N, C-alpha and C. Protein backbone atom coordinates (compact mmCIF):
# COMPACT_ATOMS: atom_id res chain seq x y z
N MET A 1 0.83 -1.20 0.00
CA MET A 1 0.00 0.00 0.00
C MET A 1 0.87 1.26 0.00
N ILE A 2 0.44 2.25 -0.73
CA ILE A 2 1.16 3.52 -0.81
C ILE A 2 0.46 4.53 0.09
N GLY A 3 1.17 5.00 1.11
CA GLY A 3 0.60 5.99 2.01
C GLY A 3 0.65 7.37 1.40
N VAL A 4 -0.50 8.06 1.35
CA VAL A 4 -0.60 9.36 0.69
C VAL A 4 -1.08 10.42 1.67
N LEU A 5 -0.41 11.57 1.65
CA LEU A 5 -0.82 12.75 2.40
C LEU A 5 -1.34 13.78 1.41
N ILE A 6 -2.52 14.33 1.67
CA ILE A 6 -3.14 15.32 0.78
C ILE A 6 -3.05 16.69 1.43
N VAL A 7 -2.51 17.65 0.70
CA VAL A 7 -2.34 19.01 1.22
C VAL A 7 -3.07 19.99 0.32
N ASP A 8 -4.11 20.64 0.85
CA ASP A 8 -4.86 21.63 0.08
C ASP A 8 -5.66 22.48 1.06
N ASP A 9 -5.74 23.78 0.80
CA ASP A 9 -6.45 24.65 1.73
C ASP A 9 -7.97 24.63 1.53
N HIS A 10 -8.43 23.98 0.48
CA HIS A 10 -9.87 23.88 0.24
C HIS A 10 -10.41 22.54 0.77
N PRO A 11 -11.31 22.58 1.75
CA PRO A 11 -11.84 21.33 2.32
C PRO A 11 -12.49 20.41 1.29
N VAL A 12 -13.18 21.00 0.32
CA VAL A 12 -13.85 20.18 -0.68
C VAL A 12 -12.83 19.37 -1.49
N VAL A 13 -11.71 20.00 -1.83
CA VAL A 13 -10.67 19.30 -2.58
C VAL A 13 -10.06 18.20 -1.73
N ARG A 14 -9.70 18.54 -0.48
CA ARG A 14 -9.09 17.54 0.41
C ARG A 14 -10.00 16.33 0.56
N HIS A 15 -11.25 16.59 0.91
CA HIS A 15 -12.16 15.48 1.17
C HIS A 15 -12.50 14.72 -0.12
N GLY A 16 -12.62 15.45 -1.23
CA GLY A 16 -12.94 14.80 -2.49
C GLY A 16 -11.84 13.87 -2.96
N VAL A 17 -10.60 14.34 -2.90
CA VAL A 17 -9.47 13.49 -3.30
C VAL A 17 -9.32 12.32 -2.34
N ALA A 18 -9.49 12.58 -1.05
CA ALA A 18 -9.38 11.50 -0.06
C ALA A 18 -10.44 10.44 -0.29
N LEU A 19 -11.66 10.87 -0.58
CA LEU A 19 -12.75 9.92 -0.83
C LEU A 19 -12.47 9.10 -2.08
N MET A 20 -12.00 9.75 -3.13
CA MET A 20 -11.69 9.03 -4.35
C MET A 20 -10.59 8.01 -4.13
N LEU A 21 -9.53 8.40 -3.42
CA LEU A 21 -8.42 7.48 -3.20
C LEU A 21 -8.81 6.33 -2.28
N SER A 22 -9.79 6.56 -1.42
CA SER A 22 -10.22 5.51 -0.49
C SER A 22 -10.85 4.32 -1.21
N THR A 23 -11.25 4.53 -2.46
CA THR A 23 -11.86 3.45 -3.23
C THR A 23 -10.82 2.66 -4.03
N ARG A 24 -9.56 3.08 -3.96
CA ARG A 24 -8.51 2.43 -4.73
C ARG A 24 -7.68 1.52 -3.83
N PRO A 25 -7.53 0.25 -4.20
CA PRO A 25 -6.82 -0.70 -3.32
C PRO A 25 -5.32 -0.45 -3.20
N ALA A 26 -4.75 0.30 -4.14
CA ALA A 26 -3.29 0.46 -4.15
C ALA A 26 -2.79 1.54 -3.20
N VAL A 27 -3.70 2.40 -2.72
CA VAL A 27 -3.26 3.54 -1.91
C VAL A 27 -4.09 3.65 -0.64
N VAL A 28 -3.52 4.31 0.36
CA VAL A 28 -4.25 4.60 1.58
C VAL A 28 -3.91 6.03 2.00
N VAL A 29 -4.92 6.82 2.32
CA VAL A 29 -4.72 8.20 2.75
C VAL A 29 -4.34 8.18 4.24
N VAL A 30 -3.14 8.69 4.54
CA VAL A 30 -2.67 8.67 5.92
C VAL A 30 -2.95 9.99 6.63
N GLY A 31 -3.39 11.00 5.88
CA GLY A 31 -3.72 12.27 6.51
C GLY A 31 -4.00 13.34 5.48
N THR A 32 -4.59 14.45 5.96
CA THR A 32 -4.83 15.61 5.11
C THR A 32 -4.38 16.85 5.87
N ALA A 33 -3.91 17.83 5.14
CA ALA A 33 -3.43 19.07 5.75
C ALA A 33 -4.00 20.25 4.99
N ALA A 34 -4.27 21.35 5.73
CA ALA A 34 -4.89 22.53 5.13
C ALA A 34 -3.90 23.66 4.87
N CYS A 35 -2.65 23.52 5.34
CA CYS A 35 -1.68 24.59 5.15
C CYS A 35 -0.27 24.00 5.14
N ALA A 36 0.69 24.83 4.78
CA ALA A 36 2.07 24.37 4.65
C ALA A 36 2.64 23.87 5.97
N ASP A 37 2.43 24.62 7.04
CA ASP A 37 2.97 24.22 8.34
C ASP A 37 2.40 22.88 8.79
N GLU A 38 1.11 22.72 8.59
CA GLU A 38 0.47 21.44 8.97
C GLU A 38 1.01 20.30 8.11
N ALA A 39 1.28 20.59 6.85
CA ALA A 39 1.83 19.57 5.96
C ALA A 39 3.20 19.10 6.43
N VAL A 40 4.05 20.05 6.82
CA VAL A 40 5.38 19.70 7.30
C VAL A 40 5.29 18.83 8.55
N GLN A 41 4.39 19.20 9.46
CA GLN A 41 4.24 18.44 10.70
C GLN A 41 3.69 17.05 10.44
N LEU A 42 2.66 16.95 9.60
CA LEU A 42 2.05 15.65 9.33
C LEU A 42 3.01 14.75 8.54
N ALA A 43 3.81 15.34 7.67
CA ALA A 43 4.79 14.54 6.94
C ALA A 43 5.76 13.88 7.90
N ALA A 44 6.15 14.61 8.95
CA ALA A 44 7.06 14.05 9.95
C ALA A 44 6.36 13.00 10.81
N ASP A 45 5.09 13.25 11.13
CA ASP A 45 4.35 12.33 12.01
C ASP A 45 3.88 11.07 11.29
N LYS A 46 3.36 11.23 10.08
CA LYS A 46 2.73 10.12 9.36
C LYS A 46 3.67 9.39 8.41
N ARG A 47 4.78 10.05 8.03
CA ARG A 47 5.78 9.46 7.12
C ARG A 47 5.11 8.84 5.88
N PRO A 48 4.40 9.67 5.09
CA PRO A 48 3.76 9.15 3.88
C PRO A 48 4.79 8.77 2.83
N ASP A 49 4.35 7.95 1.89
CA ASP A 49 5.21 7.61 0.75
C ASP A 49 5.15 8.71 -0.31
N VAL A 50 3.94 9.25 -0.50
CA VAL A 50 3.70 10.26 -1.53
C VAL A 50 2.86 11.38 -0.93
N ILE A 51 3.17 12.60 -1.32
CA ILE A 51 2.37 13.76 -0.90
C ILE A 51 1.83 14.45 -2.14
N LEU A 52 0.52 14.75 -2.12
CA LEU A 52 -0.10 15.58 -3.14
C LEU A 52 -0.13 16.99 -2.57
N MET A 53 0.64 17.90 -3.16
CA MET A 53 0.87 19.22 -2.56
C MET A 53 0.27 20.35 -3.40
N ASP A 54 -0.69 21.05 -2.82
CA ASP A 54 -1.17 22.29 -3.43
C ASP A 54 -0.06 23.33 -3.34
N LEU A 55 -0.01 24.24 -4.29
CA LEU A 55 1.07 25.22 -4.28
C LEU A 55 0.66 26.58 -3.72
N CYS A 56 -0.61 26.92 -3.87
CA CYS A 56 -1.08 28.24 -3.42
C CYS A 56 -1.98 28.08 -2.21
N MET A 57 -1.46 28.43 -1.05
CA MET A 57 -2.21 28.36 0.19
C MET A 57 -2.00 29.64 0.97
N PRO A 58 -3.01 30.10 1.70
CA PRO A 58 -2.88 31.38 2.40
C PRO A 58 -1.82 31.38 3.51
N ALA A 59 -1.61 30.24 4.14
CA ALA A 59 -0.64 30.16 5.24
C ALA A 59 0.60 29.40 4.77
N GLY A 60 1.47 30.07 4.01
CA GLY A 60 2.68 29.42 3.52
C GLY A 60 2.45 28.77 2.17
N ASP A 61 3.42 28.91 1.27
CA ASP A 61 3.24 28.35 -0.07
C ASP A 61 3.76 26.92 -0.14
N GLY A 62 3.29 26.21 -1.16
CA GLY A 62 3.63 24.80 -1.29
C GLY A 62 5.09 24.53 -1.56
N THR A 63 5.76 25.41 -2.33
CA THR A 63 7.16 25.16 -2.63
C THR A 63 8.03 25.22 -1.37
N THR A 64 7.69 26.13 -0.46
CA THR A 64 8.41 26.20 0.81
C THR A 64 8.20 24.92 1.61
N ALA A 65 6.98 24.42 1.62
CA ALA A 65 6.67 23.17 2.33
C ALA A 65 7.42 22.00 1.70
N ILE A 66 7.49 21.98 0.37
CA ILE A 66 8.21 20.90 -0.32
C ILE A 66 9.66 20.85 0.14
N ARG A 67 10.31 22.01 0.17
CA ARG A 67 11.71 22.06 0.58
C ARG A 67 11.88 21.60 2.03
N ALA A 68 10.99 22.06 2.91
CA ALA A 68 11.11 21.71 4.32
C ALA A 68 10.89 20.22 4.54
N ILE A 69 9.90 19.65 3.86
CA ILE A 69 9.60 18.23 4.01
C ILE A 69 10.75 17.37 3.52
N LEU A 70 11.29 17.70 2.36
CA LEU A 70 12.37 16.90 1.78
C LEU A 70 13.67 17.07 2.55
N ALA A 71 13.85 18.22 3.17
CA ALA A 71 15.05 18.41 3.99
C ALA A 71 15.03 17.47 5.18
N ALA A 72 13.82 17.15 5.67
CA ALA A 72 13.69 16.25 6.82
C ALA A 72 13.61 14.79 6.40
N ASP A 73 13.06 14.52 5.22
CA ASP A 73 12.88 13.13 4.77
C ASP A 73 12.90 13.10 3.25
N SER A 74 14.05 12.85 2.69
CA SER A 74 14.23 12.92 1.23
C SER A 74 13.59 11.76 0.49
N ARG A 75 13.15 10.71 1.21
CA ARG A 75 12.58 9.56 0.53
C ARG A 75 11.15 9.82 0.06
N ILE A 76 10.48 10.84 0.62
CA ILE A 76 9.09 11.13 0.26
C ILE A 76 9.02 11.67 -1.16
N ALA A 77 8.09 11.15 -1.94
CA ALA A 77 7.87 11.64 -3.30
C ALA A 77 6.72 12.66 -3.25
N ILE A 78 6.99 13.86 -3.70
CA ILE A 78 5.98 14.91 -3.65
C ILE A 78 5.54 15.29 -5.06
N ILE A 79 4.22 15.27 -5.26
CA ILE A 79 3.63 15.67 -6.53
C ILE A 79 2.89 16.99 -6.32
N ALA A 80 3.22 18.00 -7.09
CA ALA A 80 2.46 19.24 -7.04
C ALA A 80 1.10 18.99 -7.69
N LEU A 81 0.03 19.30 -6.98
CA LEU A 81 -1.33 19.13 -7.50
C LEU A 81 -2.01 20.49 -7.40
N THR A 82 -2.17 21.16 -8.54
CA THR A 82 -2.58 22.55 -8.52
C THR A 82 -3.46 22.87 -9.72
N SER A 83 -4.04 24.07 -9.69
CA SER A 83 -4.87 24.53 -10.81
C SER A 83 -4.08 25.31 -11.83
N PHE A 84 -2.81 25.61 -11.51
CA PHE A 84 -2.01 26.50 -12.35
C PHE A 84 -1.02 25.72 -13.21
N SER A 85 -0.93 26.13 -14.48
CA SER A 85 0.01 25.45 -15.38
C SER A 85 0.97 26.43 -16.03
N ASP A 86 1.24 27.56 -15.35
CA ASP A 86 2.20 28.50 -15.92
C ASP A 86 3.62 28.00 -15.68
N ARG A 87 4.50 28.37 -16.57
CA ARG A 87 5.88 27.87 -16.58
C ARG A 87 6.59 28.15 -15.26
N GLN A 88 6.42 29.36 -14.73
CA GLN A 88 7.14 29.75 -13.51
C GLN A 88 6.78 28.85 -12.34
N ARG A 89 5.49 28.56 -12.17
CA ARG A 89 5.07 27.71 -11.05
C ARG A 89 5.57 26.28 -11.23
N ILE A 90 5.52 25.79 -12.46
CA ILE A 90 5.98 24.42 -12.71
C ILE A 90 7.46 24.30 -12.35
N LEU A 91 8.25 25.22 -12.87
CA LEU A 91 9.69 25.16 -12.61
C LEU A 91 9.99 25.35 -11.13
N ALA A 92 9.26 26.24 -10.46
CA ALA A 92 9.49 26.47 -9.03
C ALA A 92 9.22 25.21 -8.23
N ALA A 93 8.14 24.50 -8.56
CA ALA A 93 7.80 23.27 -7.83
C ALA A 93 8.85 22.19 -8.07
N LEU A 94 9.26 22.01 -9.32
CA LEU A 94 10.24 20.98 -9.64
C LEU A 94 11.61 21.32 -9.06
N ASP A 95 11.96 22.59 -9.12
CA ASP A 95 13.24 23.00 -8.53
C ASP A 95 13.25 22.83 -7.02
N ALA A 96 12.07 22.95 -6.38
CA ALA A 96 11.99 22.76 -4.93
C ALA A 96 12.14 21.30 -4.54
N GLY A 97 11.95 20.39 -5.52
CA GLY A 97 12.12 18.97 -5.23
C GLY A 97 10.93 18.10 -5.55
N ALA A 98 9.84 18.69 -6.04
CA ALA A 98 8.69 17.87 -6.45
C ALA A 98 9.12 16.93 -7.57
N VAL A 99 8.64 15.69 -7.51
CA VAL A 99 9.00 14.73 -8.56
C VAL A 99 8.02 14.77 -9.72
N GLY A 100 6.88 15.45 -9.54
CA GLY A 100 5.88 15.50 -10.59
C GLY A 100 5.00 16.71 -10.46
N TYR A 101 4.18 16.94 -11.49
CA TYR A 101 3.31 18.11 -11.52
C TYR A 101 2.02 17.71 -12.20
N LEU A 102 0.91 17.79 -11.46
CA LEU A 102 -0.40 17.44 -12.00
C LEU A 102 -1.36 18.60 -11.83
N LEU A 103 -2.35 18.68 -12.71
CA LEU A 103 -3.40 19.68 -12.59
C LEU A 103 -4.63 19.05 -11.95
N LYS A 104 -5.41 19.88 -11.27
CA LYS A 104 -6.55 19.36 -10.51
C LYS A 104 -7.68 18.85 -11.39
N ASP A 105 -7.60 19.10 -12.70
CA ASP A 105 -8.62 18.54 -13.58
C ASP A 105 -8.25 17.16 -14.09
N ALA A 106 -7.16 16.60 -13.54
CA ALA A 106 -6.76 15.24 -13.93
C ALA A 106 -7.84 14.25 -13.53
N ASP A 107 -8.06 13.23 -14.34
CA ASP A 107 -9.07 12.23 -14.00
C ASP A 107 -8.52 11.30 -12.92
N PRO A 108 -9.41 10.63 -12.18
CA PRO A 108 -8.97 9.79 -11.06
C PRO A 108 -7.93 8.74 -11.45
N ASP A 109 -8.10 8.09 -12.58
CA ASP A 109 -7.15 7.06 -12.99
C ASP A 109 -5.76 7.65 -13.21
N SER A 110 -5.71 8.85 -13.81
CA SER A 110 -4.41 9.50 -14.03
C SER A 110 -3.76 9.89 -12.72
N LEU A 111 -4.57 10.32 -11.76
CA LEU A 111 -4.03 10.71 -10.45
C LEU A 111 -3.43 9.50 -9.74
N VAL A 112 -4.16 8.39 -9.74
CA VAL A 112 -3.66 7.19 -9.09
C VAL A 112 -2.41 6.68 -9.81
N ALA A 113 -2.43 6.71 -11.14
CA ALA A 113 -1.26 6.26 -11.90
C ALA A 113 -0.05 7.13 -11.58
N ALA A 114 -0.27 8.43 -11.40
CA ALA A 114 0.83 9.33 -11.07
C ALA A 114 1.38 9.03 -9.68
N ILE A 115 0.51 8.74 -8.74
CA ILE A 115 0.95 8.37 -7.39
C ILE A 115 1.81 7.12 -7.43
N GLN A 116 1.36 6.13 -8.18
CA GLN A 116 2.12 4.88 -8.29
C GLN A 116 3.45 5.12 -8.99
N ALA A 117 3.44 5.96 -10.03
CA ALA A 117 4.68 6.26 -10.75
C ALA A 117 5.68 6.97 -9.85
N ALA A 118 5.20 7.95 -9.09
CA ALA A 118 6.08 8.68 -8.17
C ALA A 118 6.66 7.74 -7.13
N HIS A 119 5.86 6.81 -6.65
CA HIS A 119 6.32 5.84 -5.65
C HIS A 119 7.39 4.92 -6.22
N ARG A 120 7.33 4.68 -7.53
CA ARG A 120 8.34 3.84 -8.20
C ARG A 120 9.61 4.61 -8.52
N GLY A 121 9.61 5.90 -8.25
CA GLY A 121 10.79 6.70 -8.56
C GLY A 121 10.72 7.41 -9.90
N GLU A 122 9.56 7.43 -10.51
CA GLU A 122 9.39 8.09 -11.80
C GLU A 122 8.93 9.54 -11.60
N SER A 123 8.77 10.27 -12.70
CA SER A 123 8.47 11.69 -12.64
C SER A 123 7.21 12.00 -13.45
N PRO A 124 6.03 11.81 -12.85
CA PRO A 124 4.78 12.06 -13.59
C PRO A 124 4.59 13.55 -13.86
N LEU A 125 4.31 13.89 -15.11
CA LEU A 125 4.14 15.28 -15.50
C LEU A 125 2.88 15.40 -16.34
N ASP A 126 1.94 16.24 -15.91
CA ASP A 126 0.71 16.43 -16.65
C ASP A 126 1.01 16.86 -18.09
N PRO A 127 0.33 16.30 -19.08
CA PRO A 127 0.60 16.67 -20.47
C PRO A 127 0.49 18.17 -20.72
N LYS A 128 -0.44 18.84 -20.03
CA LYS A 128 -0.58 20.29 -20.21
C LYS A 128 0.64 21.01 -19.66
N ALA A 129 1.15 20.54 -18.54
CA ALA A 129 2.35 21.15 -17.96
C ALA A 129 3.56 20.90 -18.86
N ALA A 130 3.66 19.68 -19.39
CA ALA A 130 4.77 19.37 -20.30
C ALA A 130 4.71 20.26 -21.54
N LYS A 131 3.51 20.51 -22.03
CA LYS A 131 3.36 21.37 -23.22
C LYS A 131 3.84 22.78 -22.93
N VAL A 132 3.52 23.28 -21.73
CA VAL A 132 3.97 24.62 -21.35
C VAL A 132 5.50 24.69 -21.34
N LEU A 133 6.13 23.65 -20.80
CA LEU A 133 7.59 23.63 -20.74
C LEU A 133 8.21 23.55 -22.13
N LEU A 134 7.50 22.92 -23.05
CA LEU A 134 8.05 22.72 -24.38
C LEU A 134 7.74 23.87 -25.34
N GLN A 135 6.83 24.76 -24.96
CA GLN A 135 6.42 25.83 -25.86
C GLN A 135 7.53 26.83 -26.13
N ASP A 136 8.31 27.14 -25.10
CA ASP A 136 9.37 28.13 -25.26
C ASP A 136 10.62 27.46 -25.80
N ARG A 137 10.69 27.34 -27.11
CA ARG A 137 11.84 26.69 -27.75
C ARG A 137 12.70 27.69 -28.50
N SER A 138 12.47 28.99 -28.27
CA SER A 138 13.21 30.00 -29.00
C SER A 138 14.66 30.10 -28.54
N ALA A 139 14.90 29.84 -27.24
CA ALA A 139 16.26 29.92 -26.73
C ALA A 139 17.07 28.74 -27.25
N PRO A 140 18.34 28.95 -27.57
CA PRO A 140 19.16 27.84 -28.08
C PRO A 140 19.36 26.76 -27.02
N THR A 141 19.42 25.52 -27.47
CA THR A 141 19.66 24.42 -26.55
C THR A 141 21.07 24.52 -25.97
N PRO A 142 21.21 24.44 -24.66
CA PRO A 142 22.55 24.52 -24.07
C PRO A 142 23.45 23.43 -24.66
N GLU A 143 24.72 23.77 -24.88
CA GLU A 143 25.65 22.81 -25.45
C GLU A 143 26.04 21.79 -24.39
N VAL A 144 25.58 20.59 -24.56
CA VAL A 144 25.87 19.50 -23.63
C VAL A 144 26.38 18.32 -24.44
N HIS A 145 27.48 17.76 -24.03
CA HIS A 145 28.09 16.67 -24.77
C HIS A 145 27.66 15.33 -24.16
N LEU A 146 26.80 14.64 -24.87
CA LEU A 146 26.33 13.32 -24.46
C LEU A 146 26.52 12.35 -25.62
N SER A 147 26.84 11.12 -25.28
CA SER A 147 26.95 10.10 -26.31
C SER A 147 25.54 9.73 -26.79
N ALA A 148 25.47 9.01 -27.90
CA ALA A 148 24.18 8.59 -28.43
C ALA A 148 23.44 7.72 -27.41
N ARG A 149 24.15 6.84 -26.73
CA ARG A 149 23.52 5.98 -25.73
C ARG A 149 23.04 6.79 -24.53
N GLU A 150 23.83 7.77 -24.11
CA GLU A 150 23.44 8.61 -22.97
C GLU A 150 22.19 9.41 -23.31
N ARG A 151 22.09 9.90 -24.53
CA ARG A 151 20.88 10.62 -24.94
C ARG A 151 19.69 9.68 -24.98
N GLU A 152 19.94 8.45 -25.38
CA GLU A 152 18.86 7.45 -25.42
C GLU A 152 18.35 7.17 -24.00
N VAL A 153 19.29 6.99 -23.07
CA VAL A 153 18.91 6.76 -21.68
C VAL A 153 18.17 7.97 -21.12
N LEU A 154 18.66 9.16 -21.42
CA LEU A 154 18.00 10.38 -20.94
C LEU A 154 16.59 10.51 -21.49
N GLY A 155 16.41 10.15 -22.73
CA GLY A 155 15.07 10.19 -23.32
C GLY A 155 14.11 9.25 -22.61
N LEU A 156 14.60 8.10 -22.19
CA LEU A 156 13.75 7.14 -21.49
C LEU A 156 13.46 7.61 -20.06
N VAL A 157 14.40 8.32 -19.45
CA VAL A 157 14.13 8.95 -18.15
C VAL A 157 13.03 9.98 -18.31
N ARG A 158 13.12 10.78 -19.35
CA ARG A 158 12.08 11.77 -19.65
C ARG A 158 10.71 11.11 -19.81
N ASP A 159 10.70 9.91 -20.40
CA ASP A 159 9.45 9.20 -20.64
C ASP A 159 8.92 8.49 -19.40
N GLY A 160 9.68 8.57 -18.28
CA GLY A 160 9.20 8.04 -17.01
C GLY A 160 9.64 6.63 -16.67
N LEU A 161 10.56 6.05 -17.44
CA LEU A 161 11.00 4.69 -17.15
C LEU A 161 11.95 4.67 -15.95
N THR A 162 11.87 3.61 -15.18
CA THR A 162 12.81 3.40 -14.08
C THR A 162 14.11 2.85 -14.66
N ASN A 163 15.15 2.74 -13.81
CA ASN A 163 16.41 2.16 -14.26
C ASN A 163 16.21 0.74 -14.77
N ALA A 164 15.40 -0.03 -14.05
CA ALA A 164 15.13 -1.40 -14.47
C ALA A 164 14.40 -1.42 -15.81
N GLY A 165 13.46 -0.50 -15.98
CA GLY A 165 12.72 -0.42 -17.24
C GLY A 165 13.62 -0.02 -18.40
N ILE A 166 14.53 0.91 -18.15
CA ILE A 166 15.47 1.33 -19.19
C ILE A 166 16.38 0.16 -19.58
N ALA A 167 16.85 -0.57 -18.57
CA ALA A 167 17.72 -1.72 -18.84
C ALA A 167 17.01 -2.75 -19.70
N ALA A 168 15.76 -3.04 -19.36
CA ALA A 168 14.99 -4.02 -20.13
C ALA A 168 14.73 -3.52 -21.55
N HIS A 169 14.43 -2.23 -21.67
CA HIS A 169 14.12 -1.66 -22.99
C HIS A 169 15.34 -1.69 -23.91
N LEU A 170 16.51 -1.42 -23.35
CA LEU A 170 17.72 -1.34 -24.16
C LEU A 170 18.50 -2.65 -24.21
N GLY A 171 18.11 -3.61 -23.38
CA GLY A 171 18.81 -4.88 -23.36
C GLY A 171 20.19 -4.79 -22.73
N ILE A 172 20.31 -3.95 -21.72
CA ILE A 172 21.59 -3.80 -21.02
C ILE A 172 21.38 -4.01 -19.53
N ARG A 173 22.47 -4.06 -18.78
CA ARG A 173 22.36 -4.26 -17.34
C ARG A 173 21.94 -2.98 -16.64
N GLU A 174 21.23 -3.15 -15.52
CA GLU A 174 20.82 -1.99 -14.75
C GLU A 174 22.03 -1.21 -14.23
N ARG A 175 23.10 -1.92 -13.91
CA ARG A 175 24.33 -1.26 -13.47
C ARG A 175 24.88 -0.35 -14.57
N THR A 176 24.74 -0.81 -15.82
CA THR A 176 25.20 0.01 -16.95
C THR A 176 24.35 1.27 -17.08
N VAL A 177 23.05 1.12 -16.86
CA VAL A 177 22.14 2.28 -16.89
C VAL A 177 22.58 3.30 -15.85
N LYS A 178 22.88 2.84 -14.64
CA LYS A 178 23.31 3.74 -13.58
C LYS A 178 24.59 4.48 -13.97
N GLY A 179 25.49 3.78 -14.65
CA GLY A 179 26.71 4.42 -15.11
C GLY A 179 26.43 5.51 -16.14
N HIS A 180 25.53 5.22 -17.08
CA HIS A 180 25.16 6.23 -18.07
C HIS A 180 24.51 7.43 -17.39
N LEU A 181 23.65 7.17 -16.41
CA LEU A 181 22.97 8.27 -15.72
C LEU A 181 23.95 9.13 -14.94
N SER A 182 24.95 8.51 -14.36
CA SER A 182 25.97 9.30 -13.66
C SER A 182 26.65 10.26 -14.62
N ASN A 183 26.96 9.78 -15.82
CA ASN A 183 27.57 10.64 -16.84
C ASN A 183 26.62 11.74 -17.28
N VAL A 184 25.34 11.38 -17.42
CA VAL A 184 24.33 12.36 -17.83
C VAL A 184 24.19 13.46 -16.77
N PHE A 185 24.07 13.04 -15.50
CA PHE A 185 23.93 14.02 -14.42
C PHE A 185 25.12 14.98 -14.40
N ALA A 186 26.31 14.44 -14.58
CA ALA A 186 27.51 15.28 -14.57
C ALA A 186 27.50 16.26 -15.75
N ALA A 187 27.10 15.78 -16.92
CA ALA A 187 27.08 16.63 -18.10
C ALA A 187 26.04 17.74 -18.00
N LEU A 188 24.90 17.42 -17.39
CA LEU A 188 23.82 18.40 -17.25
C LEU A 188 23.98 19.27 -16.02
N ASP A 189 24.92 18.90 -15.13
CA ASP A 189 25.13 19.60 -13.86
C ASP A 189 23.87 19.53 -13.01
N VAL A 190 23.29 18.33 -12.90
CA VAL A 190 22.13 18.09 -12.04
C VAL A 190 22.47 16.94 -11.10
N THR A 191 21.64 16.75 -10.09
CA THR A 191 21.93 15.71 -9.09
C THR A 191 20.85 14.64 -8.99
N ASP A 192 19.76 14.76 -9.75
CA ASP A 192 18.69 13.77 -9.63
C ASP A 192 17.98 13.59 -10.96
N ARG A 193 17.22 12.49 -11.08
CA ARG A 193 16.58 12.16 -12.34
C ARG A 193 15.42 13.11 -12.67
N THR A 194 14.79 13.71 -11.66
CA THR A 194 13.72 14.66 -11.94
C THR A 194 14.27 15.87 -12.69
N SER A 195 15.40 16.39 -12.22
CA SER A 195 16.03 17.53 -12.90
C SER A 195 16.49 17.14 -14.29
N ALA A 196 16.99 15.92 -14.42
CA ALA A 196 17.42 15.45 -15.74
C ALA A 196 16.23 15.33 -16.68
N ALA A 197 15.11 14.79 -16.16
CA ALA A 197 13.90 14.66 -16.98
C ALA A 197 13.39 16.03 -17.40
N LEU A 198 13.45 16.99 -16.49
CA LEU A 198 13.02 18.35 -16.81
C LEU A 198 13.89 18.93 -17.92
N TRP A 199 15.23 18.74 -17.82
CA TRP A 199 16.12 19.22 -18.88
C TRP A 199 15.75 18.58 -20.21
N ALA A 200 15.46 17.29 -20.16
CA ALA A 200 15.12 16.58 -21.40
C ALA A 200 13.82 17.09 -21.99
N HIS A 201 12.82 17.38 -21.13
CA HIS A 201 11.56 17.93 -21.62
C HIS A 201 11.81 19.26 -22.32
N ARG A 202 12.76 20.04 -21.80
CA ARG A 202 13.04 21.36 -22.38
C ARG A 202 13.86 21.27 -23.67
N ASN A 203 14.81 20.34 -23.70
CA ASN A 203 15.86 20.42 -24.72
C ASN A 203 16.03 19.21 -25.61
N LEU A 204 15.54 18.05 -25.20
CA LEU A 204 15.80 16.84 -25.98
C LEU A 204 14.65 16.60 -26.95
N PRO A 205 14.92 16.48 -28.22
CA PRO A 205 13.84 16.25 -29.19
C PRO A 205 13.10 14.96 -28.88
N ALA A 206 11.79 15.01 -28.98
CA ALA A 206 10.98 13.80 -28.78
C ALA A 206 11.14 12.89 -29.98
N ASP A 207 11.00 11.60 -29.72
CA ASP A 207 11.13 10.62 -30.82
C ASP A 207 9.96 10.74 -31.79
């Protein structure tokens, strides 16, 4: 079971998402929070696997809460769940450490799939949010030197595959995938796969 904490300042949203998730066998709601401070406290008390984090709340913003929660427990996967799909908010949430970004109009199946993907170490990104990130292509792509295989691995990270999934897809060992990713992280000057996936969404041509 995947323990989920729901953070939103609107009671209807909190209760609605909690009720929907309660019907799904793969997840269990371990708590709900109405503000950033409460989210930080409940994350420490309940130790959820995944947090659905609203970004705009009257008592503290979601990005601040994301940073505080991850500073205390980096294993938690946080998905921004918001009504806004502007580029600045998306980048702010991902830069704060969110592993994914979903909009509140997502259907229940997509929400559950995103929770499961985040729990597996993947980076679920709403198609509308991905489109926003890809729209600004006027700036030149930063010069980054990657081998053909490293670009292939990076593309699969962008597509949400785990290391094991990449290894199976390419017919190579998972240890080899980790080696390629280490080279990719160094070349992109990033430290995690979410940042690498974000770079790929911005700069790597889709197949």
